[in-house]
Amino acid sequence: MIFLVGMPACGKSTLARALAAAGLARAIDLDEEVERRAGLTVAQIMARHGEAEFRRLEAEAVAAAAAMQPEGGLLVVSTGGGAPCHGCNMDVMLAGGTVVWLQASPERSLQRLLEARGTRPAADRALEQGRLSEWYHAMLAARAPHYARAHATFDTTELDDAPAVAAAVERFRAMIGAQAL
């Protein structure tokens, strides 16, 4: 099992889907799992019940993913950017599999956040306030110590077109090792 962690817009979901599309792994998106379990979107959970309830549901989803015994293949879990930073989630992930910190350059991640305008409420609020870069860098500084506990790091700066994604899949396969994939 591999857990992908990192900042918003670093490519966690993109890489997990690409590994699945290449037939190398089964992918689970942790936020989608939380939504499925709650019957609400992440935004609805946050609006109706607050961040504490979202983090509780997220911790349950992390524990459930870590306990999975995938049959006949590798499971790759793309986490939300804050998942490793709350409660004992990172400890659970580290004990349950290999944790990989995906790192894209801040400039590229900020560009991706701009391109995804309207889909990420926290980033959208920061953008509306004219402080997207400040918000991103403050969050990176706060989260980096948690992400740094990962078993490995992987550069996802170049992950924005089909050839770059295919190349990233091959680099990831080589990094993790053929036996894991």
N, C-alpha and C. Protein backbone atom coordinates (compact mmCIF):
# COMPACT_ATOMS: atom_id res chain seq x y z
N MET A 1 0.84 -1.17 0.00
CA MET A 1 0.00 0.00 0.00
C MET A 1 0.89 1.23 0.00
N ILE A 2 0.47 2.21 -0.80
CA ILE A 2 1.21 3.48 -0.87
C ILE A 2 0.23 4.61 -0.58
N PHE A 3 0.63 5.50 0.31
CA PHE A 3 -0.13 6.71 0.61
C PHE A 3 0.60 7.88 -0.03
N LEU A 4 -0.10 8.67 -0.82
CA LEU A 4 0.46 9.87 -1.42
C LEU A 4 0.04 11.07 -0.58
N VAL A 5 1.01 11.84 -0.12
CA VAL A 5 0.74 13.03 0.68
C VAL A 5 1.40 14.23 0.02
N GLY A 6 0.91 15.42 0.37
CA GLY A 6 1.51 16.64 -0.16
C GLY A 6 0.51 17.77 -0.21
N MET A 7 1.00 18.90 -0.62
CA MET A 7 0.22 20.13 -0.67
C MET A 7 -0.91 20.04 -1.69
N PRO A 8 -1.93 20.90 -1.53
CA PRO A 8 -2.95 20.98 -2.56
C PRO A 8 -2.31 21.29 -3.92
N ALA A 9 -2.80 20.64 -4.94
CA ALA A 9 -2.37 20.85 -6.33
C ALA A 9 -0.97 20.33 -6.61
N CYS A 10 -0.49 19.39 -5.79
CA CYS A 10 0.82 18.81 -6.07
C CYS A 10 0.70 17.60 -7.01
N GLY A 11 -0.50 17.10 -7.24
CA GLY A 11 -0.68 16.00 -8.19
C GLY A 11 -1.00 14.65 -7.58
N LYS A 12 -1.44 14.62 -6.32
CA LYS A 12 -1.73 13.34 -5.66
C LYS A 12 -2.81 12.56 -6.42
N SER A 13 -3.92 13.18 -6.69
CA SER A 13 -5.02 12.48 -7.38
C SER A 13 -4.62 12.15 -8.82
N THR A 14 -3.94 13.06 -9.47
CA THR A 14 -3.51 12.82 -10.85
C THR A 14 -2.60 11.60 -10.94
N LEU A 15 -1.60 11.53 -10.08
CA LEU A 15 -0.68 10.40 -10.12
C LEU A 15 -1.38 9.10 -9.75
N ALA A 16 -2.23 9.12 -8.74
CA ALA A 16 -2.94 7.89 -8.34
C ALA A 16 -3.81 7.38 -9.48
N ARG A 17 -4.55 8.28 -10.12
CA ARG A 17 -5.39 7.87 -11.27
C ARG A 17 -4.53 7.34 -12.41
N ALA A 18 -3.39 7.96 -12.65
CA ALA A 18 -2.51 7.52 -13.74
C ALA A 18 -1.92 6.14 -13.45
N LEU A 19 -1.56 5.88 -12.21
CA LEU A 19 -1.06 4.55 -11.85
C LEU A 19 -2.15 3.50 -12.05
N ALA A 20 -3.38 3.86 -11.70
CA ALA A 20 -4.50 2.95 -11.90
C ALA A 20 -4.77 2.73 -13.39
N ALA A 21 -4.76 3.80 -14.16
CA ALA A 21 -5.02 3.69 -15.60
C ALA A 21 -3.96 2.85 -16.30
N ALA A 22 -2.74 2.87 -15.77
CA ALA A 22 -1.65 2.07 -16.34
C ALA A 22 -1.72 0.62 -15.88
N GLY A 23 -2.70 0.30 -15.04
CA GLY A 23 -2.84 -1.06 -14.55
C GLY A 23 -1.83 -1.44 -13.48
N LEU A 24 -1.22 -0.45 -12.86
CA LEU A 24 -0.17 -0.71 -11.87
C LEU A 24 -0.68 -0.73 -10.44
N ALA A 25 -1.89 -0.21 -10.23
CA ALA A 25 -2.41 -0.12 -8.87
C ALA A 25 -3.91 0.13 -8.92
N ARG A 26 -4.53 -0.09 -7.79
CA ARG A 26 -5.91 0.35 -7.59
C ARG A 26 -5.81 1.65 -6.81
N ALA A 27 -6.57 2.65 -7.20
CA ALA A 27 -6.48 3.97 -6.57
C ALA A 27 -7.71 4.28 -5.74
N ILE A 28 -7.46 4.87 -4.58
CA ILE A 28 -8.53 5.39 -3.73
C ILE A 28 -8.20 6.84 -3.43
N ASP A 29 -9.18 7.71 -3.60
CA ASP A 29 -9.05 9.12 -3.23
C ASP A 29 -9.69 9.27 -1.86
N LEU A 30 -8.91 9.67 -0.88
CA LEU A 30 -9.40 9.73 0.50
C LEU A 30 -10.56 10.71 0.66
N ASP A 31 -10.51 11.87 0.02
CA ASP A 31 -11.61 12.82 0.12
C ASP A 31 -12.89 12.21 -0.47
N GLU A 32 -12.76 11.50 -1.58
CA GLU A 32 -13.95 10.85 -2.17
C GLU A 32 -14.49 9.77 -1.24
N GLU A 33 -13.60 9.10 -0.54
CA GLU A 33 -14.03 8.07 0.43
C GLU A 33 -14.78 8.72 1.59
N VAL A 34 -14.29 9.85 2.08
CA VAL A 34 -14.99 10.59 3.15
C VAL A 34 -16.37 11.01 2.65
N GLU A 35 -16.43 11.53 1.44
CA GLU A 35 -17.72 11.96 0.88
C GLU A 35 -18.69 10.79 0.75
N ARG A 36 -18.19 9.66 0.29
CA ARG A 36 -19.04 8.47 0.12
C ARG A 36 -19.60 8.03 1.48
N ARG A 37 -18.74 8.00 2.47
CA ARG A 37 -19.16 7.56 3.80
C ARG A 37 -20.15 8.53 4.43
N ALA A 38 -19.96 9.84 4.22
CA ALA A 38 -20.81 10.85 4.84
C ALA A 38 -22.07 11.16 4.03
N GLY A 39 -22.04 10.84 2.75
CA GLY A 39 -23.16 11.20 1.89
C GLY A 39 -23.23 12.70 1.62
N LEU A 40 -22.11 13.37 1.82
CA LEU A 40 -22.00 14.81 1.61
C LEU A 40 -20.66 15.11 0.97
N THR A 41 -20.55 16.23 0.27
CA THR A 41 -19.26 16.65 -0.25
C THR A 41 -18.41 17.19 0.91
N VAL A 42 -17.11 17.29 0.69
CA VAL A 42 -16.24 17.85 1.72
C VAL A 42 -16.71 19.26 2.08
N ALA A 43 -17.05 20.05 1.07
CA ALA A 43 -17.51 21.42 1.34
C ALA A 43 -18.78 21.41 2.19
N GLN A 44 -19.69 20.49 1.92
CA GLN A 44 -20.93 20.40 2.71
C GLN A 44 -20.64 19.96 4.14
N ILE A 45 -19.73 19.00 4.30
CA ILE A 45 -19.36 18.56 5.65
C ILE A 45 -18.80 19.74 6.43
N MET A 46 -17.89 20.48 5.81
CA MET A 46 -17.26 21.62 6.49
C MET A 46 -18.32 22.68 6.84
N ALA A 47 -19.22 22.98 5.90
CA ALA A 47 -20.22 24.02 6.13
C ALA A 47 -21.24 23.61 7.20
N ARG A 48 -21.66 22.37 7.16
CA ARG A 48 -22.72 21.92 8.08
C ARG A 48 -22.20 21.48 9.44
N HIS A 49 -21.03 20.85 9.45
CA HIS A 49 -20.57 20.21 10.68
C HIS A 49 -19.22 20.72 11.18
N GLY A 50 -18.51 21.47 10.35
CA GLY A 50 -17.24 22.05 10.76
C GLY A 50 -16.05 21.15 10.48
N GLU A 51 -14.86 21.76 10.63
CA GLU A 51 -13.63 21.05 10.32
C GLU A 51 -13.38 19.87 11.25
N ALA A 52 -13.75 20.00 12.53
CA ALA A 52 -13.49 18.90 13.47
C ALA A 52 -14.20 17.63 13.01
N GLU A 53 -15.43 17.74 12.55
CA GLU A 53 -16.15 16.56 12.07
C GLU A 53 -15.53 16.03 10.79
N PHE A 54 -15.12 16.93 9.90
CA PHE A 54 -14.43 16.46 8.69
C PHE A 54 -13.17 15.69 9.06
N ARG A 55 -12.38 16.21 9.98
CA ARG A 55 -11.13 15.54 10.36
C ARG A 55 -11.40 14.20 11.04
N ARG A 56 -12.49 14.10 11.79
CA ARG A 56 -12.86 12.82 12.40
C ARG A 56 -13.19 11.80 11.31
N LEU A 57 -13.99 12.21 10.33
CA LEU A 57 -14.34 11.32 9.22
C LEU A 57 -13.10 10.95 8.41
N GLU A 58 -12.23 11.91 8.22
CA GLU A 58 -10.99 11.67 7.49
C GLU A 58 -10.12 10.64 8.21
N ALA A 59 -10.01 10.76 9.53
CA ALA A 59 -9.22 9.81 10.32
C ALA A 59 -9.80 8.40 10.21
N GLU A 60 -11.12 8.29 10.20
CA GLU A 60 -11.76 6.98 10.02
C GLU A 60 -11.41 6.40 8.65
N ALA A 61 -11.42 7.25 7.62
CA ALA A 61 -11.10 6.79 6.27
C ALA A 61 -9.63 6.39 6.15
N VAL A 62 -8.74 7.13 6.81
CA VAL A 62 -7.31 6.76 6.81
C VAL A 62 -7.14 5.39 7.45
N ALA A 63 -7.76 5.19 8.61
CA ALA A 63 -7.63 3.91 9.32
C ALA A 63 -8.21 2.77 8.49
N ALA A 64 -9.34 3.00 7.84
CA ALA A 64 -9.95 1.96 7.01
C ALA A 64 -9.06 1.63 5.82
N ALA A 65 -8.49 2.63 5.20
CA ALA A 65 -7.59 2.39 4.06
C ALA A 65 -6.36 1.62 4.50
N ALA A 66 -5.78 2.02 5.63
CA ALA A 66 -4.57 1.36 6.12
C ALA A 66 -4.82 -0.10 6.48
N ALA A 67 -6.05 -0.42 6.84
CA ALA A 67 -6.39 -1.79 7.24
C ALA A 67 -6.76 -2.67 6.05
N MET A 68 -6.92 -2.07 4.87
CA MET A 68 -7.32 -2.86 3.70
C MET A 68 -6.24 -3.86 3.33
N GLN A 69 -6.68 -4.99 2.88
CA GLN A 69 -5.78 -6.03 2.37
C GLN A 69 -6.13 -6.24 0.90
N PRO A 70 -5.58 -5.39 0.02
CA PRO A 70 -5.95 -5.51 -1.40
C PRO A 70 -5.52 -6.86 -1.96
N GLU A 71 -6.41 -7.46 -2.71
CA GLU A 71 -6.12 -8.76 -3.31
C GLU A 71 -5.51 -8.56 -4.69
N GLY A 72 -4.39 -9.19 -4.89
CA GLY A 72 -3.80 -9.21 -6.22
C GLY A 72 -3.31 -7.89 -6.76
N GLY A 73 -2.85 -7.00 -5.94
CA GLY A 73 -2.32 -5.77 -6.49
C GLY A 73 -2.04 -4.72 -5.44
N LEU A 74 -1.51 -3.65 -5.90
CA LEU A 74 -1.11 -2.55 -5.05
C LEU A 74 -2.26 -1.57 -4.91
N LEU A 75 -2.42 -1.00 -3.74
CA LEU A 75 -3.40 0.03 -3.49
C LEU A 75 -2.66 1.35 -3.29
N VAL A 76 -3.06 2.38 -4.02
CA VAL A 76 -2.48 3.72 -3.87
C VAL A 76 -3.58 4.64 -3.36
N VAL A 77 -3.33 5.30 -2.25
CA VAL A 77 -4.31 6.17 -1.61
C VAL A 77 -3.83 7.61 -1.74
N SER A 78 -4.59 8.44 -2.46
CA SER A 78 -4.27 9.87 -2.52
C SER A 78 -5.02 10.54 -1.37
N THR A 79 -4.28 11.23 -0.53
CA THR A 79 -4.87 11.85 0.65
C THR A 79 -5.15 13.32 0.39
N GLY A 80 -5.97 13.90 1.25
CA GLY A 80 -6.12 15.34 1.24
C GLY A 80 -4.86 15.96 1.80
N GLY A 81 -4.57 17.19 1.43
CA GLY A 81 -3.33 17.83 1.85
C GLY A 81 -3.14 17.92 3.34
N GLY A 82 -4.24 18.03 4.10
CA GLY A 82 -4.13 18.15 5.54
C GLY A 82 -4.16 16.84 6.29
N ALA A 83 -4.48 15.76 5.62
CA ALA A 83 -4.66 14.47 6.31
C ALA A 83 -3.46 14.07 7.17
N PRO A 84 -2.22 14.18 6.68
CA PRO A 84 -1.09 13.73 7.50
C PRO A 84 -0.80 14.64 8.69
N CYS A 85 -1.47 15.78 8.75
CA CYS A 85 -1.15 16.81 9.74
C CYS A 85 -2.09 16.81 10.93
N HIS A 86 -3.03 15.89 10.96
CA HIS A 86 -4.05 15.89 12.01
C HIS A 86 -4.09 14.55 12.72
N GLY A 87 -4.26 14.62 14.03
CA GLY A 87 -4.38 13.41 14.84
C GLY A 87 -3.19 12.49 14.62
N CYS A 88 -3.48 11.21 14.58
CA CYS A 88 -2.41 10.22 14.38
C CYS A 88 -2.41 9.68 12.96
N ASN A 89 -3.01 10.41 12.02
CA ASN A 89 -3.12 9.93 10.64
C ASN A 89 -1.77 9.54 10.04
N MET A 90 -0.75 10.37 10.24
CA MET A 90 0.55 10.06 9.63
C MET A 90 1.13 8.79 10.24
N ASP A 91 0.97 8.62 11.54
CA ASP A 91 1.45 7.39 12.18
C ASP A 91 0.74 6.17 11.59
N VAL A 92 -0.55 6.27 11.39
CA VAL A 92 -1.34 5.17 10.82
C VAL A 92 -0.86 4.86 9.40
N MET A 93 -0.63 5.90 8.61
CA MET A 93 -0.17 5.70 7.23
C MET A 93 1.23 5.09 7.20
N LEU A 94 2.12 5.60 8.04
CA LEU A 94 3.49 5.08 8.08
C LEU A 94 3.52 3.60 8.48
N ALA A 95 2.64 3.22 9.39
CA ALA A 95 2.57 1.83 9.83
C ALA A 95 1.86 0.95 8.80
N GLY A 96 0.98 1.55 8.01
CA GLY A 96 0.15 0.77 7.08
C GLY A 96 0.72 0.60 5.69
N GLY A 97 1.77 1.31 5.37
CA GLY A 97 2.32 1.19 4.02
C GLY A 97 3.48 2.14 3.82
N THR A 98 3.75 2.41 2.56
CA THR A 98 4.81 3.35 2.19
C THR A 98 4.16 4.71 1.95
N VAL A 99 4.70 5.73 2.59
CA VAL A 99 4.18 7.09 2.43
C VAL A 99 5.15 7.85 1.54
N VAL A 100 4.60 8.47 0.49
CA VAL A 100 5.41 9.24 -0.46
C VAL A 100 4.92 10.68 -0.47
N TRP A 101 5.83 11.60 -0.20
CA TRP A 101 5.53 13.04 -0.23
C TRP A 101 5.73 13.52 -1.66
N LEU A 102 4.63 13.91 -2.30
CA LEU A 102 4.71 14.47 -3.65
C LEU A 102 5.01 15.96 -3.52
N GLN A 103 6.06 16.39 -4.24
CA GLN A 103 6.50 17.77 -4.16
C GLN A 103 6.53 18.38 -5.55
N ALA A 104 5.71 19.40 -5.74
CA ALA A 104 5.77 20.21 -6.95
C ALA A 104 6.33 21.56 -6.55
N SER A 105 6.93 22.25 -7.48
CA SER A 105 7.44 23.58 -7.13
C SER A 105 6.26 24.45 -6.69
N PRO A 106 6.48 25.33 -5.72
CA PRO A 106 5.39 26.22 -5.30
C PRO A 106 4.81 27.01 -6.47
N GLU A 107 5.66 27.44 -7.38
CA GLU A 107 5.16 28.21 -8.54
C GLU A 107 4.18 27.38 -9.37
N ARG A 108 4.53 26.11 -9.60
CA ARG A 108 3.66 25.25 -10.40
C ARG A 108 2.38 24.94 -9.64
N SER A 109 2.48 24.68 -8.35
CA SER A 109 1.28 24.40 -7.56
C SER A 109 0.36 25.63 -7.53
N LEU A 110 0.93 26.80 -7.38
CA LEU A 110 0.11 28.01 -7.39
C LEU A 110 -0.58 28.19 -8.74
N GLN A 111 0.11 27.89 -9.83
CA GLN A 111 -0.50 27.97 -11.16
C GLN A 111 -1.66 26.98 -11.27
N ARG A 112 -1.46 25.77 -10.77
CA ARG A 112 -2.53 24.77 -10.80
C ARG A 112 -3.73 25.23 -9.98
N LEU A 113 -3.48 25.85 -8.83
CA LEU A 113 -4.58 26.36 -8.02
C LEU A 113 -5.34 27.45 -8.76
N LEU A 114 -4.62 28.31 -9.47
CA LEU A 114 -5.29 29.34 -10.28
C LEU A 114 -6.13 28.69 -11.38
N GLU A 115 -5.59 27.66 -12.01
CA GLU A 115 -6.30 26.97 -13.09
C GLU A 115 -7.52 26.21 -12.57
N ALA A 116 -7.51 25.84 -11.30
CA ALA A 116 -8.62 25.10 -10.70
C ALA A 116 -9.58 26.02 -9.94
N ARG A 117 -9.51 27.30 -10.22
CA ARG A 117 -10.35 28.28 -9.53
C ARG A 117 -11.80 27.79 -9.51
N GLY A 118 -12.42 27.91 -8.34
CA GLY A 118 -13.81 27.51 -8.19
C GLY A 118 -13.98 26.09 -7.68
N THR A 119 -12.88 25.35 -7.52
CA THR A 119 -12.99 23.96 -7.07
C THR A 119 -12.34 23.72 -5.71
N ARG A 120 -11.62 24.68 -5.21
CA ARG A 120 -10.93 24.53 -3.92
C ARG A 120 -11.27 25.74 -3.05
N PRO A 121 -12.26 25.59 -2.17
CA PRO A 121 -12.77 26.75 -1.42
C PRO A 121 -11.71 27.53 -0.64
N ALA A 122 -10.81 26.87 0.05
CA ALA A 122 -9.80 27.61 0.84
C ALA A 122 -8.89 28.41 -0.06
N ALA A 123 -8.44 27.80 -1.16
CA ALA A 123 -7.59 28.51 -2.11
C ALA A 123 -8.36 29.65 -2.76
N ASP A 124 -9.62 29.41 -3.07
CA ASP A 124 -10.44 30.46 -3.69
C ASP A 124 -10.61 31.66 -2.76
N ARG A 125 -10.81 31.39 -1.46
CA ARG A 125 -10.93 32.50 -0.50
C ARG A 125 -9.62 33.30 -0.45
N ALA A 126 -8.50 32.59 -0.40
CA ALA A 126 -7.20 33.28 -0.36
C ALA A 126 -6.98 34.09 -1.63
N LEU A 127 -7.38 33.53 -2.75
CA LEU A 127 -7.25 34.23 -4.02
C LEU A 127 -8.11 35.50 -4.04
N GLU A 128 -9.34 35.39 -3.58
CA GLU A 128 -10.24 36.55 -3.52
C GLU A 128 -9.68 37.65 -2.62
N GLN A 129 -8.94 37.25 -1.59
CA GLN A 129 -8.34 38.21 -0.67
C GLN A 129 -6.98 38.72 -1.16
N GLY A 130 -6.56 38.23 -2.33
CA GLY A 130 -5.28 38.65 -2.89
C GLY A 130 -4.07 38.11 -2.15
N ARG A 131 -4.23 36.96 -1.50
CA ARG A 131 -3.14 36.41 -0.70
C ARG A 131 -2.91 34.93 -0.95
N LEU A 132 -3.12 34.48 -2.17
CA LEU A 132 -2.96 33.06 -2.49
C LEU A 132 -1.54 32.59 -2.20
N SER A 133 -0.56 33.32 -2.66
CA SER A 133 0.83 32.91 -2.45
C SER A 133 1.16 32.90 -0.96
N GLU A 134 0.75 33.92 -0.23
CA GLU A 134 1.00 33.97 1.23
C GLU A 134 0.33 32.79 1.92
N TRP A 135 -0.92 32.49 1.57
CA TRP A 135 -1.67 31.36 2.14
C TRP A 135 -0.94 30.05 1.87
N TYR A 136 -0.53 29.86 0.62
CA TYR A 136 0.14 28.62 0.23
C TYR A 136 1.45 28.43 0.99
N HIS A 137 2.27 29.46 1.03
CA HIS A 137 3.58 29.35 1.69
C HIS A 137 3.45 29.14 3.20
N ALA A 138 2.46 29.78 3.82
CA ALA A 138 2.23 29.57 5.26
C ALA A 138 1.79 28.14 5.52
N MET A 139 0.92 27.63 4.66
CA MET A 139 0.46 26.25 4.82
C MET A 139 1.61 25.28 4.60
N LEU A 140 2.43 25.53 3.59
CA LEU A 140 3.58 24.67 3.34
C LEU A 140 4.51 24.64 4.55
N ALA A 141 4.78 25.79 5.13
CA ALA A 141 5.65 25.85 6.30
C ALA A 141 5.07 25.06 7.47
N ALA A 142 3.76 25.14 7.65
CA ALA A 142 3.12 24.42 8.75
C ALA A 142 3.06 22.91 8.50
N ARG A 143 2.88 22.52 7.25
CA ARG A 143 2.68 21.10 6.94
C ARG A 143 3.97 20.35 6.64
N ALA A 144 4.99 21.02 6.20
CA ALA A 144 6.23 20.36 5.79
C ALA A 144 6.79 19.41 6.86
N PRO A 145 6.79 19.78 8.15
CA PRO A 145 7.32 18.84 9.14
C PRO A 145 6.54 17.50 9.17
N HIS A 146 5.27 17.55 8.90
CA HIS A 146 4.47 16.32 8.86
C HIS A 146 4.81 15.52 7.60
N TYR A 147 4.82 16.20 6.46
CA TYR A 147 5.14 15.53 5.19
C TYR A 147 6.55 14.93 5.22
N ALA A 148 7.47 15.61 5.90
CA ALA A 148 8.87 15.17 5.92
C ALA A 148 9.05 13.81 6.61
N ARG A 149 8.05 13.34 7.29
CA ARG A 149 8.12 12.02 7.92
C ARG A 149 7.92 10.89 6.90
N ALA A 150 7.54 11.23 5.69
CA ALA A 150 7.28 10.22 4.66
C ALA A 150 8.53 9.37 4.41
N HIS A 151 8.28 8.18 3.90
CA HIS A 151 9.38 7.28 3.57
C HIS A 151 10.19 7.77 2.37
N ALA A 152 9.53 8.49 1.46
CA ALA A 152 10.19 8.93 0.22
C ALA A 152 9.55 10.22 -0.26
N THR A 153 10.25 10.90 -1.16
CA THR A 153 9.70 12.08 -1.83
C THR A 153 9.71 11.82 -3.34
N PHE A 154 8.84 12.55 -4.04
CA PHE A 154 8.73 12.37 -5.49
C PHE A 154 8.34 13.70 -6.10
N ASP A 155 9.09 14.13 -7.11
CA ASP A 155 8.86 15.43 -7.76
C ASP A 155 7.71 15.33 -8.77
N THR A 156 6.69 16.16 -8.56
CA THR A 156 5.53 16.19 -9.46
C THR A 156 5.36 17.55 -10.11
N THR A 157 6.44 18.30 -10.22
CA THR A 157 6.35 19.61 -10.86
C THR A 157 5.88 19.46 -12.30
N GLU A 158 6.40 18.46 -13.00
CA GLU A 158 6.01 18.21 -14.40
C GLU A 158 4.97 17.10 -14.42
N LEU A 159 3.71 17.50 -14.42
CA LEU A 159 2.63 16.52 -14.36
C LEU A 159 1.37 17.10 -15.01
N ASP A 160 1.58 17.88 -16.08
CA ASP A 160 0.46 18.66 -16.58
C ASP A 160 0.00 18.33 -17.99
N ASP A 161 0.57 17.29 -18.59
CA ASP A 161 0.05 16.82 -19.88
C ASP A 161 0.30 15.32 -19.96
N ALA A 162 -0.30 14.67 -20.94
CA ALA A 162 -0.24 13.21 -21.02
C ALA A 162 1.20 12.67 -21.06
N PRO A 163 2.09 13.23 -21.87
CA PRO A 163 3.45 12.70 -21.86
C PRO A 163 4.15 12.87 -20.50
N ALA A 164 3.92 13.99 -19.83
CA ALA A 164 4.54 14.22 -18.53
C ALA A 164 3.98 13.26 -17.49
N VAL A 165 2.69 12.99 -17.55
CA VAL A 165 2.08 12.04 -16.61
C VAL A 165 2.63 10.64 -16.86
N ALA A 166 2.74 10.24 -18.13
CA ALA A 166 3.29 8.91 -18.46
C ALA A 166 4.73 8.79 -17.96
N ALA A 167 5.51 9.85 -18.14
CA ALA A 167 6.89 9.83 -17.66
C ALA A 167 6.93 9.74 -16.14
N ALA A 168 6.02 10.45 -15.46
CA ALA A 168 5.96 10.39 -14.00
C ALA A 168 5.61 8.99 -13.51
N VAL A 169 4.69 8.34 -14.20
CA VAL A 169 4.32 6.97 -13.83
C VAL A 169 5.55 6.06 -13.91
N GLU A 170 6.33 6.20 -14.97
CA GLU A 170 7.54 5.37 -15.11
C GLU A 170 8.58 5.71 -14.05
N ARG A 171 8.75 6.99 -13.75
CA ARG A 171 9.70 7.39 -12.69
C ARG A 171 9.24 6.85 -11.34
N PHE A 172 7.93 6.91 -11.09
CA PHE A 172 7.38 6.42 -9.84
C PHE A 172 7.57 4.91 -9.73
N ARG A 173 7.30 4.22 -10.83
CA ARG A 173 7.49 2.76 -10.85
C ARG A 173 8.94 2.43 -10.52
N ALA A 174 9.88 3.15 -11.10
CA ALA A 174 11.31 2.89 -10.84
C ALA A 174 11.66 3.21 -9.40
N MET A 175 11.09 4.27 -8.85
CA MET A 175 11.39 4.65 -7.48
C MET A 175 10.87 3.62 -6.48
N ILE A 176 9.66 3.21 -6.66
CA ILE A 176 9.04 2.26 -5.72
C ILE A 176 9.61 0.87 -5.91
N GLY A 177 9.93 0.54 -7.14
CA GLY A 177 10.50 -0.77 -7.42
C GLY A 177 9.48 -1.69 -8.06
N ALA A 178 9.95 -2.45 -8.99
CA ALA A 178 9.07 -3.33 -9.75
C ALA A 178 8.34 -4.31 -8.85
N GLN A 179 8.96 -4.74 -7.74
CA GLN A 179 8.29 -5.71 -6.88
C GLN A 179 7.04 -5.13 -6.24
N ALA A 180 7.03 -3.82 -5.96
CA ALA A 180 5.86 -3.21 -5.34
C ALA A 180 4.77 -2.97 -6.37
N LEU A 181 5.15 -2.68 -7.60
CA LEU A 181 4.16 -2.43 -8.63
C LEU A 181 4.04 -3.67 -9.48
